């Protein structure tokens, strides 16, 4: 009996240990993007995957066609939603609330999700979750936005022709790559968790106006790797989610993100971040996106001899900060001396060009020891330091340079300075729309920040989180269920021999 008892308790103990760990990982694995005093779930799309050159470039080309050449109909000058993001959030919409997976996008000015009327809209995604079309009739708090409301007038730049009372407010977005989204605006509650203490939350909601996508085309209508429910716009206009929540005093018109490019997830906070302290630089006025003035480029201890006119080239003034782009794009007059200076650090490198534009080479030592950091200088003495292990990435048995020559891009993207995740990962980036400034600092995106509650004045810790895919959650719960069945079986078997 004693031997049988010990033999039975050991597997039971092991099973309980495994179940507790699986439950802990499942619960803690799905975490969030915290709003000022609220939280949304976030995940980095490419975390844990081997990045291929073709995948990275195809993503950026598709994104930039929309981001830089988008045609706004009928949003006018309010901004251009771009449809491909590198990280996404889980939000709740409606009453009762349903979960939606949306791309968190600093280049987008509206929020929209796929609608129940849409036949072309994706229903599944290879990202591992089921997609949910929004149904106005299933939400007790959902209402149509009429075409004579102030919101509709603002996003259209004036009255709509043919608008009559009780007619819905339509929207249409056509992008440079031919993709489009069309539908109508509705008003409903977005659900999130309000930060109520250090790493603690309580349920909260806020009413916003968002697009109900009734028709999608191009990449927006396909079920593939990048298929999601819609876009969560964090752009500069009054139609973005940050502007709408700020107008109702839900949050300050400020937000910050810290994307963990290695582990996935990170921090996305709306409101006043009080720690860490971040040095800020002014946004370039009269630009649709988050543009800042670059003043110089430094490689190691050497400042490159670049004319100030280069930083002002083209109609798009300044450097675009876009967390949804993968790589970093520089005008040819910056790219050429920068890459030449980096490669000059190792005289015996055999540099080869992959796919016609990636400069790659073999190197067996630590790249941080053999190559210099690159430091970009911005107005108000703000610096952005990029280490070799960040601007170099491995492709097969080679190291490749992540900097891209925008002078070789097509007309719409020629000589644009655009900084994506290559330089923004592992940095806390703070957007202050109230003072029209932006800033960043190197930071551990797996840690926490301090955000001030505007209603009480108290300061709370906001932590990093990671959202698990639906497939991963279902697999875990399936394993847990199997262990529970085995546990009950062994327990019954043990009683029979007691």
Protein backbone atom coordinates (compact mmCIF):
# COMPACT_ATOMS: atom_id res chain seq x y z
CA UNK A 1 0.00 0.00 0.00
CA UNK A 2 2.77 2.42 0.95
CA UNK A 3 4.70 1.71 -2.25
CA UNK A 4 1.54 2.01 -4.35
CA UNK A 5 0.65 5.26 -2.56
CA UNK A 6 4.03 6.81 -3.26
CA UNK A 7 3.96 5.63 -6.86
CA UNK A 8 0.54 7.24 -7.37
CA UNK A 9 1.33 10.56 -5.64
CA UNK A 10 4.44 11.27 -7.71
CA UNK A 11 2.65 11.36 -11.10
CA UNK A 12 -0.24 13.23 -9.49
CA UNK A 13 2.17 15.82 -8.13
CA UNK A 14 3.87 16.08 -11.50
CA UNK A 15 0.53 16.51 -13.27
CA UNK A 16 -0.58 19.19 -10.84
CA UNK A 17 2.71 21.01 -11.32
CA UNK A 18 2.36 20.90 -15.10
CA UNK A 19 -1.26 22.05 -14.97
CA UNK A 20 -0.43 24.98 -12.69
CA UNK A 21 2.40 26.02 -14.99
CA UNK A 22 0.25 25.73 -18.10
CA UNK A 23 -2.53 27.72 -16.47
CA UNK A 24 -0.06 30.35 -15.32
CA UNK A 25 1.46 30.67 -18.79
CA UNK A 26 -1.97 30.82 -20.40
CA UNK A 27 -3.28 33.52 -18.08
CA UNK A 28 -0.12 35.60 -17.97
CA UNK A 29 0.73 35.06 -21.62
CA UNK A 30 -2.19 37.12 -22.89
CA UNK A 31 -1.45 40.56 -21.72
CA UNK A 32 -1.77 44.03 -22.79
CA UNK A 33 -1.27 47.36 -24.04
CA UNK A 34 -2.17 49.70 -21.27
CA UNK A 35 -4.14 52.84 -21.94
CA UNK A 36 -3.45 55.89 -19.70
CA UNK A 37 -5.55 54.17 -17.08
CA UNK A 38 -6.54 51.34 -19.40
CA UNK A 39 -5.15 48.29 -21.10
CA UNK A 40 -5.31 46.73 -24.58
CA UNK A 41 -3.56 43.48 -25.54
CA UNK A 42 -0.64 43.69 -27.97
CA UNK A 43 1.57 41.30 -29.87
CA UNK A 44 4.54 41.71 -32.20
CA UNK A 45 3.67 39.83 -35.38
CA UNK A 46 7.15 38.58 -36.33
CA UNK A 47 8.32 37.65 -32.81
CA UNK A 48 10.09 34.31 -32.76
CA UNK A 49 10.14 33.98 -36.54
CA UNK A 50 13.17 33.91 -38.79
CA UNK A 51 13.00 37.03 -40.90
CA UNK A 52 13.50 36.51 -44.62
CA UNK A 53 14.66 39.35 -46.86
CA UNK A 54 11.75 38.91 -49.24
CA UNK A 55 9.19 38.96 -46.40
CA UNK A 56 10.61 42.11 -44.83
CA UNK A 57 10.83 44.03 -48.09
CA UNK A 58 7.45 42.90 -49.40
CA UNK A 59 5.86 44.07 -46.15
CA UNK A 60 7.48 47.51 -46.30
CA UNK A 61 6.75 48.07 -50.00
CA UNK A 62 3.09 47.24 -49.51
CA UNK A 63 2.89 49.43 -46.43
CA UNK A 64 4.67 52.43 -47.91
CA UNK A 65 2.50 52.45 -51.04
CA UNK A 66 -0.39 53.06 -48.72
CA UNK A 67 1.44 55.13 -46.15
CA UNK A 68 3.09 57.55 -48.54
CA UNK A 69 0.84 57.60 -51.59
CA UNK A 70 -2.58 57.01 -50.08
CA UNK A 71 -5.51 58.87 -51.58
CA UNK A 72 -7.92 60.18 -48.98
CA UNK A 73 -11.57 59.86 -49.98
CA UNK A 74 -13.46 61.29 -48.15
CA UNK A 75 -11.14 62.02 -45.24
CA UNK A 76 -9.48 64.91 -47.02
CA UNK A 77 -6.36 66.04 -45.22
CA UNK A 78 -7.03 64.08 -42.07
CA UNK A 79 -4.56 61.28 -42.82
CA UNK A 80 -4.24 57.92 -44.50
CA UNK A 81 -4.86 54.56 -42.81
CA UNK A 82 -2.19 52.08 -43.83
CA UNK A 83 -3.18 48.49 -43.62
CA UNK A 84 -0.09 46.49 -42.67
CA UNK A 85 1.21 46.69 -39.11
CA UNK A 86 3.86 44.74 -37.25
CA UNK A 87 1.97 44.53 -34.01
CA UNK A 88 -1.68 44.32 -33.14
CA UNK A 89 -4.04 44.71 -30.20
CA UNK A 90 -7.08 42.94 -28.87
CA UNK A 91 -9.94 45.28 -27.98
CA UNK A 92 -13.56 44.81 -27.00
CA UNK A 93 -16.33 46.58 -28.92
CA UNK A 94 -20.08 46.75 -28.31
CA UNK A 95 -22.54 45.60 -25.64
CA UNK A 96 -22.17 42.76 -24.97
CA UNK A 97 -18.51 43.17 -25.77
CA UNK A 98 -16.87 41.08 -28.49
CA UNK A 99 -13.12 40.74 -29.06
CA UNK A 100 -11.49 42.25 -32.15
CA UNK A 101 -7.86 41.99 -33.27
CA UNK A 102 -6.75 45.25 -34.84
CA UNK A 103 -3.49 46.65 -36.12
CA UNK A 104 -2.12 49.36 -33.84
CA UNK A 105 -1.10 52.04 -36.29
CA UNK A 106 0.54 55.41 -35.68
CA UNK A 107 0.10 56.26 -39.37
CA UNK A 108 -3.70 55.92 -39.29
CA UNK A 109 -6.30 58.50 -38.34
CA UNK A 110 -9.46 56.40 -37.99
CA UNK A 111 -10.53 53.19 -36.32
CA UNK A 112 -12.37 50.68 -38.47
CA UNK A 113 -13.34 47.02 -38.27
CA UNK A 114 -14.89 44.63 -40.75
CA UNK A 115 -18.69 44.62 -40.82
CA UNK A 116 -21.17 41.75 -40.95
CA UNK A 117 -22.33 42.91 -44.41
CA UNK A 118 -18.87 42.41 -45.89
CA UNK A 119 -18.67 39.29 -48.06
CA UNK A 120 -15.03 39.77 -49.07
CA UNK A 121 -13.74 40.35 -45.53
CA UNK A 122 -11.48 37.67 -44.04
CA UNK A 123 -12.92 35.34 -41.41
CA UNK A 124 -9.70 33.54 -40.51
CA UNK A 125 -6.07 34.53 -40.08
CA UNK A 126 -2.82 32.58 -40.06
CA UNK A 127 -1.90 34.65 -36.99
CA UNK A 128 -3.96 32.15 -35.03
CA UNK A 129 -7.26 33.81 -34.17
CA UNK A 130 -10.83 33.80 -35.40
CA UNK A 131 -11.90 37.10 -36.93
CA UNK A 132 -15.20 38.65 -35.88
CA UNK A 133 -17.27 40.96 -38.12
CA UNK A 134 -19.04 43.78 -36.28
CA UNK A 135 -22.85 43.56 -36.27
CA UNK A 136 -24.59 46.79 -35.29
CA UNK A 137 -27.84 44.96 -34.55
CA UNK A 138 -26.15 42.70 -31.98
CA UNK A 139 -24.88 45.62 -29.88
CA UNK A 140 -27.41 47.39 -27.65
CA UNK A 141 -25.18 50.50 -27.54
CA UNK A 142 -24.31 50.73 -31.24
CA UNK A 143 -25.69 53.61 -33.32
CA UNK A 144 -25.22 54.91 -36.85
CA UNK A 145 -23.37 58.18 -37.36
CA UNK A 146 -25.51 60.38 -39.59
CA UNK A 147 -24.00 62.35 -42.45
CA UNK A 148 -24.99 65.70 -40.91
CA UNK A 149 -23.12 65.12 -37.63
CA UNK A 150 -20.05 67.26 -36.88
CA UNK A 151 -17.76 64.21 -36.95
CA UNK A 152 -18.83 63.37 -40.51
CA UNK A 153 -18.38 66.98 -41.59
CA UNK A 154 -14.85 67.05 -40.16
CA UNK A 155 -13.59 63.83 -41.74
CA UNK A 156 -15.06 64.84 -45.10
CA UNK A 157 -13.87 68.43 -44.98
CA UNK A 158 -17.43 69.78 -45.24
CA UNK A 159 -21.02 68.79 -46.03
CA UNK A 160 -21.65 65.70 -48.15
CA UNK A 161 -23.57 66.16 -51.37
CA UNK A 162 -27.02 64.57 -51.16
CA UNK A 163 -26.95 64.21 -47.39
CA UNK A 164 -30.37 64.04 -45.78
CA UNK A 165 -31.52 63.52 -42.20
CA UNK A 166 -30.87 60.02 -40.82
CA UNK A 167 -28.60 59.09 -43.75
CA UNK A 168 -25.46 57.30 -42.54
CA UNK A 169 -21.99 58.82 -42.86
CA UNK A 170 -20.00 56.86 -45.49
CA UNK A 171 -16.26 56.46 -45.80
CA UNK A 172 -14.01 55.25 -48.59
CA UNK A 173 -10.25 54.78 -48.50
CA UNK A 174 -8.28 53.98 -51.66
CA UNK A 175 -4.59 53.19 -51.25
CA UNK A 176 -1.69 53.49 -53.65
CA UNK A 177 -1.39 49.72 -54.07
CA UNK A 178 -5.02 49.39 -55.14
CA UNK A 179 -6.39 48.12 -51.82
CA UNK A 180 -9.46 49.85 -50.45
CA UNK A 181 -11.91 49.83 -47.57
CA UNK A 182 -15.43 51.27 -47.74
CA UNK A 183 -18.36 51.39 -45.36
CA UNK A 184 -20.05 53.72 -42.92
CA UNK A 185 -19.34 55.21 -39.51
CA UNK A 186 -20.97 53.93 -36.32
CA UNK A 187 -20.73 54.89 -32.67
CA UNK A 188 -20.26 52.29 -29.94
CA UNK A 189 -18.31 51.51 -26.80
CA UNK A 190 -14.72 50.29 -26.88
CA UNK A 191 -13.88 48.16 -23.86
CA UNK A 192 -10.58 48.22 -21.99
CA UNK A 193 -9.22 47.72 -18.48
CA UNK A 194 -8.60 50.87 -16.47
CA UNK A 195 -5.36 50.91 -14.49
CA UNK A 196 -6.47 51.08 -10.87
CA UNK A 197 -3.19 50.36 -9.10
CA UNK A 198 0.33 49.06 -9.62
CA UNK A 199 -0.11 46.33 -12.26
CA UNK A 200 -3.84 46.21 -11.41
CA UNK A 201 -6.84 46.99 -13.63
CA UNK A 202 -10.61 47.35 -13.52
CA UNK A 203 -13.08 47.21 -16.42
CA UNK A 204 -13.84 50.49 -18.23
CA UNK A 205 -15.14 51.72 -21.57
CA UNK A 206 -15.39 54.78 -23.76
CA UNK A 207 -17.66 55.73 -26.64
CA UNK A 208 -15.92 56.27 -30.00
CA UNK A 209 -16.91 56.65 -33.64
CA UNK A 210 -15.35 54.12 -36.02
CA UNK A 211 -15.73 52.79 -39.52
CA UNK A 212 -17.79 49.69 -40.20
CA UNK A 213 -16.10 48.16 -43.25
CA UNK A 214 -18.73 46.76 -45.60
CA UNK A 215 -16.39 46.17 -48.53
CA UNK A 216 -12.65 45.47 -48.71
CA UNK A 217 -10.41 44.83 -51.69
CA UNK A 218 -6.79 43.90 -52.32
CA UNK A 219 -4.78 42.76 -49.30
CA UNK A 220 -7.48 44.03 -46.95
CA UNK A 221 -9.91 41.44 -48.26
CA UNK A 222 -7.63 38.41 -48.12
CA UNK A 223 -7.29 35.77 -45.42
CA UNK A 224 -3.56 35.46 -44.95
CA UNK A 225 -0.68 36.19 -42.64
CA UNK A 226 -1.66 39.81 -42.15
CA UNK A 227 -5.44 39.38 -41.98
CA UNK A 228 -6.97 41.08 -38.94
CA UNK A 229 -10.32 42.59 -37.96
CA UNK A 230 -9.32 46.18 -38.74
CA UNK A 231 -7.13 49.13 -37.75
CA UNK A 232 -6.74 51.03 -34.49
CA UNK A 233 -5.64 54.47 -35.64
CA UNK A 234 -3.31 56.51 -33.43
CA UNK A 235 -2.71 59.31 -35.94
CA UNK A 236 -2.72 63.05 -35.35
CA UNK A 237 -6.25 63.99 -36.45
CA UNK A 238 -9.38 64.39 -34.32
CA UNK A 239 -10.81 61.12 -35.67
CA UNK A 240 -8.09 58.89 -34.14
CA UNK A 241 -8.84 56.88 -31.02
CA UNK A 242 -6.40 58.88 -28.90
CA UNK A 243 -8.04 62.16 -29.96
CA UNK A 244 -11.58 60.86 -29.37
CA UNK A 245 -10.83 59.51 -25.89
CA UNK A 246 -8.93 62.69 -25.01
CA UNK A 247 -11.88 64.84 -26.10
CA UNK A 248 -14.05 63.12 -23.48
CA UNK A 249 -11.30 63.51 -20.86
CA UNK A 250 -10.75 59.76 -20.69
CA UNK A 251 -7.03 60.22 -21.27
CA UNK A 252 -4.43 62.88 -21.96
CA UNK A 253 -3.68 63.34 -25.65
CA UNK A 254 -0.43 61.44 -25.21
CA UNK A 255 0.62 57.85 -25.79
CA UNK A 256 3.76 55.74 -25.79
CA UNK A 257 4.87 52.38 -27.14
CA UNK A 258 7.78 50.13 -26.33
CA UNK A 259 7.94 47.15 -28.68
CA UNK A 260 9.96 44.12 -27.63
CA UNK A 261 11.26 42.93 -30.98
CA UNK A 262 12.91 39.84 -29.50
CA UNK A 263 10.29 38.37 -27.19
CA UNK A 264 7.17 39.96 -28.65
CA UNK A 265 4.57 42.04 -26.89
CA UNK A 266 5.62 45.17 -25.06
CA UNK A 267 4.00 48.32 -23.69
CA UNK A 268 1.44 50.61 -25.31
CA UNK A 269 0.21 53.28 -22.89
CA UNK A 270 -2.20 56.14 -23.45
CA UNK A 271 -1.73 59.13 -21.19
CA UNK A 272 0.96 60.90 -19.23
CA UNK A 273 4.08 58.76 -18.85
CA UNK A 274 6.10 60.15 -15.93
CA UNK A 275 8.86 57.55 -15.80
CA UNK A 276 11.21 57.09 -17.52
CA UNK A 277 11.94 60.71 -18.38
CA UNK A 278 12.09 61.26 -22.14
CA UNK A 279 13.81 64.09 -24.03
CA UNK A 280 11.47 65.49 -26.68
CA UNK A 281 11.79 67.11 -30.11
CA UNK A 282 9.10 69.16 -31.92
CA UNK A 283 6.99 67.59 -34.65
CA UNK A 284 7.29 69.15 -38.09
CA UNK A 285 4.12 71.25 -38.57
CA UNK A 286 1.63 70.72 -41.40
CA UNK A 287 2.62 67.09 -41.98
CA UNK A 288 0.05 64.26 -41.91
CA UNK A 289 2.32 61.88 -40.00
CA UNK A 290 4.81 61.98 -37.14
CA UNK A 291 7.73 63.81 -38.77
CA UNK A 292 10.78 65.18 -36.94
CA UNK A 293 13.79 67.22 -38.01
CA UNK A 294 17.04 65.26 -38.32
CA UNK A 295 20.18 67.41 -38.04
CA UNK A 296 23.07 64.97 -38.37
CA UNK A 297 24.33 61.39 -38.64
CA UNK A 298 27.18 59.95 -36.58
CA UNK A 299 28.99 56.64 -37.11
CA UNK A 300 30.99 55.71 -34.05
CA UNK A 301 32.79 58.94 -33.11
CA UNK A 302 32.67 60.42 -36.62
CA UNK A 303 30.02 62.91 -37.75
CA UNK A 304 29.28 62.35 -41.44
CA UNK A 305 29.73 65.35 -43.73
CA UNK A 306 26.16 65.70 -44.99
CA UNK A 307 24.62 68.93 -46.23
CA UNK A 308 21.68 70.26 -44.22
CA UNK A 309 19.68 70.41 -47.46
CA UNK A 310 19.59 66.60 -47.58
CA UNK A 311 17.46 66.45 -44.43
CA UNK A 312 14.89 68.77 -46.06
CA UNK A 313 14.68 66.98 -49.43
CA UNK A 314 11.32 66.59 -51.13
CA UNK A 315 7.80 67.63 -50.20
CA UNK A 316 7.75 65.46 -47.10
CA UNK A 317 9.76 67.40 -44.56
CA UNK A 318 11.72 65.61 -41.87
CA UNK A 319 12.02 61.99 -40.81
CA UNK A 320 8.85 59.88 -40.58
CA UNK A 321 8.57 57.80 -37.40
CA UNK A 322 6.49 54.71 -38.19
CA UNK A 323 6.42 51.73 -35.85
CA UNK A 324 4.64 49.62 -38.48
CA UNK A 325 7.50 49.65 -41.01
CA UNK A 326 10.10 46.91 -40.60
CA UNK A 327 13.37 48.41 -41.85
CA UNK A 328 14.78 51.96 -42.08
CA UNK A 329 14.97 53.99 -45.30
CA UNK A 330 17.47 56.78 -45.97
CA UNK A 331 18.03 59.13 -48.92
CA UNK A 332 20.92 58.08 -51.13
CA UNK A 333 23.08 61.01 -49.96
CA UNK A 334 22.84 59.67 -46.41
CA UNK A 335 22.73 55.95 -47.17
CA UNK A 336 25.92 55.77 -49.26
CA UNK A 337 28.37 57.45 -46.81
CA UNK A 338 26.71 55.72 -43.84
CA UNK A 339 27.09 52.20 -45.25
CA UNK A 340 30.59 52.93 -46.55
CA UNK A 341 31.70 54.07 -43.09
CA UNK A 342 30.22 51.00 -41.42
CA UNK A 343 31.90 48.59 -43.83
CA UNK A 344 35.25 50.39 -43.58
CA UNK A 345 35.59 49.13 -40.00
CA UNK A 346 36.52 45.67 -41.35
CA UNK A 347 38.98 45.79 -44.25
CA UNK A 348 38.76 42.13 -45.29
CA UNK A 349 35.01 41.89 -45.73
CA UNK A 350 33.74 40.33 -48.94
CA UNK A 351 30.52 42.26 -49.49
CA UNK A 352 27.89 40.81 -51.78
CA UNK A 353 24.52 42.17 -52.85
CA UNK A 354 21.50 39.98 -52.17
CA UNK A 355 18.21 40.49 -54.02
CA UNK A 356 19.72 43.44 -55.80
CA UNK A 357 19.89 45.80 -52.81
CA UNK A 358 20.88 44.13 -49.52
CA UNK A 359 24.58 44.44 -48.70
CA UNK A 360 25.64 41.24 -46.93
CA UNK A 361 28.89 39.66 -45.75
CA UNK A 362 30.33 36.85 -43.67
CA UNK A 363 31.51 37.69 -40.17
CA UNK A 364 32.20 35.21 -37.36
CA UNK A 365 32.87 37.55 -34.43
CA UNK A 366 30.44 39.57 -32.26
CA UNK A 367 29.05 42.33 -34.46
CA UNK A 368 28.86 44.78 -31.53
CA UNK A 369 32.64 44.41 -31.13
CA UNK A 370 33.48 44.74 -34.80
CA UNK A 371 31.15 47.51 -35.99
CA UNK A 372 30.24 50.97 -34.70
CA UNK A 373 26.89 52.20 -33.39
CA UNK A 374 25.01 54.72 -35.54
CA UNK A 375 23.67 57.84 -33.84
CA UNK A 376 21.08 60.09 -35.46
CA UNK A 377 20.88 63.68 -34.21
CA UNK A 378 17.56 65.54 -34.04
CA UNK A 379 16.38 69.00 -33.12
CA UNK A 380 16.56 69.84 -29.40
CA UNK A 381 19.64 67.58 -28.97
CA UNK A 382 17.60 64.38 -29.13
CA UNK A 383 19.69 61.36 -30.10
CA UNK A 384 18.66 57.99 -31.51
CA UNK A 385 21.36 55.35 -31.06
CA UNK A 386 21.21 52.14 -33.09
CA UNK A 387 23.59 49.31 -32.19
CA UNK A 388 25.18 46.90 -34.71
CA UNK A 389 23.08 43.96 -33.48
CA UNK A 390 20.01 46.09 -34.30
CA UNK A 391 20.93 47.36 -37.78
CA UNK A 392 22.56 44.07 -38.82
CA UNK A 393 20.56 40.86 -39.12
CA UNK A 394 21.43 37.34 -40.17
CA UNK A 395 20.36 35.83 -43.47
CA UNK A 396 21.47 32.22 -43.91
CA UNK A 397 25.21 32.36 -43.09
CA UNK A 398 25.57 36.08 -43.79
CA UNK A 399 25.12 39.35 -41.92
CA UNK A 400 23.05 41.89 -43.84
CA UNK A 401 22.65 45.64 -43.37
CA UNK A 402 19.12 46.74 -42.52
CA UNK A 403 19.52 50.29 -43.82
CA UNK A 404 17.78 50.73 -47.17
CA UNK A 405 18.46 53.24 -49.94
CA UNK A 406 15.22 55.14 -50.52
CA UNK A 407 16.85 56.83 -53.50
CA UNK A 408 16.43 53.51 -55.34
CA UNK A 409 12.73 53.24 -54.52
CA UNK A 410 9.86 54.15 -56.83
CA UNK A 411 8.76 57.73 -57.39
CA UNK A 412 6.30 57.86 -54.50
CA UNK A 413 8.91 56.62 -52.01
CA UNK A 414 12.05 58.15 -53.51
CA UNK A 415 14.50 59.74 -51.05
CA UNK A 416 12.13 59.47 -48.10
CA UNK A 417 13.60 59.20 -44.61
CA UNK A 418 11.50 56.63 -42.79
CA UNK A 419 12.39 54.91 -39.51
CA UNK A 420 10.67 51.62 -38.70
CA UNK A 421 11.10 48.84 -36.21
CA UNK A 422 14.78 48.40 -37.09
CA UNK A 423 15.57 51.50 -35.03
CA UNK A 424 12.48 51.78 -32.80
CA UNK A 425 12.57 48.36 -31.11
CA UNK A 426 13.60 48.29 -27.48
CA UNK A 427 12.97 52.02 -27.11
CA UNK A 428 10.16 53.78 -25.33
CA UNK A 429 8.69 56.19 -27.90
CA UNK A 430 6.48 58.95 -26.47
CA UNK A 431 3.99 60.96 -28.57
CA UNK A 432 2.76 64.22 -26.99
CA UNK A 433 0.03 65.61 -29.23
CA UNK A 434 -0.92 68.27 -26.70
CA UNK A 435 2.48 69.91 -27.11
CA UNK A 436 3.18 68.60 -30.64
CA UNK A 437 6.39 66.82 -29.63
CA UNK A 438 7.80 63.31 -29.81
CA UNK A 439 10.72 61.65 -28.05
CA UNK A 440 12.31 58.35 -27.14
CA UNK A 441 14.78 56.68 -24.86
CA UNK A 442 16.47 53.28 -24.75
CA UNK A 443 14.42 51.01 -22.55
CA UNK A 444 13.79 47.43 -21.52
CA UNK A 445 10.41 46.79 -23.16
CA UNK A 446 9.89 43.71 -20.99
CA UNK A 447 9.83 45.84 -17.83
CA UNK A 448 7.34 48.52 -16.72
CA UNK A 449 6.75 52.27 -16.86
CA UNK A 450 4.94 54.74 -14.61
CA UNK A 451 1.77 56.44 -15.86
CA UNK A 452 -0.14 59.20 -14.08
CA UNK A 453 -3.88 58.81 -13.56
CA UNK A 454 -5.33 62.13 -14.71
CA UNK A 455 -8.46 61.76 -12.58
CA UNK A 456 -6.73 61.18 -9.25
CA UNK A 457 -3.18 62.38 -9.88
CA UNK A 458 -1.76 59.10 -8.61
CA UNK A 459 1.05 57.28 -10.40
CA UNK A 460 0.84 53.58 -11.21
CA UNK A 461 3.12 50.95 -12.67
CA UNK A 462 2.16 49.70 -16.12
CA UNK A 463 3.82 46.46 -17.15
CA UNK A 464 4.78 44.71 -20.34
CA UNK A 465 2.49 42.00 -21.65
CA UNK A 466 2.13 39.54 -24.48
CA UNK A 467 -0.99 38.29 -26.20
CA UNK A 468 -1.01 34.60 -27.13
CA UNK A 469 -2.63 33.47 -30.36
CA UNK A 470 -5.94 31.65 -30.27
CA UNK A 471 -4.31 28.49 -31.64
CA UNK A 472 -1.75 28.54 -28.86
CA UNK A 473 -4.44 29.05 -26.21
CA UNK A 474 -6.62 26.27 -27.61
CA UNK A 475 -3.65 23.92 -27.69
CA UNK A 476 -2.79 24.70 -24.08
CA UNK A 477 -6.34 24.20 -22.87
CA UNK A 478 -6.51 20.95 -24.83
CA UNK A 479 -3.36 19.72 -23.09
CA UNK A 480 -4.74 20.86 -19.72
CA UNK A 481 -8.00 18.97 -20.38
CA UNK A 482 -6.05 15.84 -21.29
CA UNK A 483 -4.04 16.08 -18.06
CA UNK A 484 -7.24 16.54 -16.04
CA UNK A 485 -8.75 13.40 -17.62
CA UNK A 486 -5.58 11.45 -16.84
CA UNK A 487 -5.60 12.86 -13.32
CA UNK A 488 -9.17 11.68 -12.71
CA UNK A 489 -8.32 8.28 -14.22
CA UNK A 490 -5.32 7.79 -11.96
CA UNK A 491 -7.26 9.02 -8.96
CA UNK A 492 -10.04 6.46 -9.60
CA UNK A 493 -7.45 3.75 -10.23
CA UNK A 494 -5.73 4.60 -6.93
CA UNK A 495 -9.01 4.35 -4.97
CA UNK A 496 -9.70 0.91 -6.46
CA UNK A 497 -6.46 -0.42 -4.99
CA UNK A 498 -6.73 1.41 -1.66
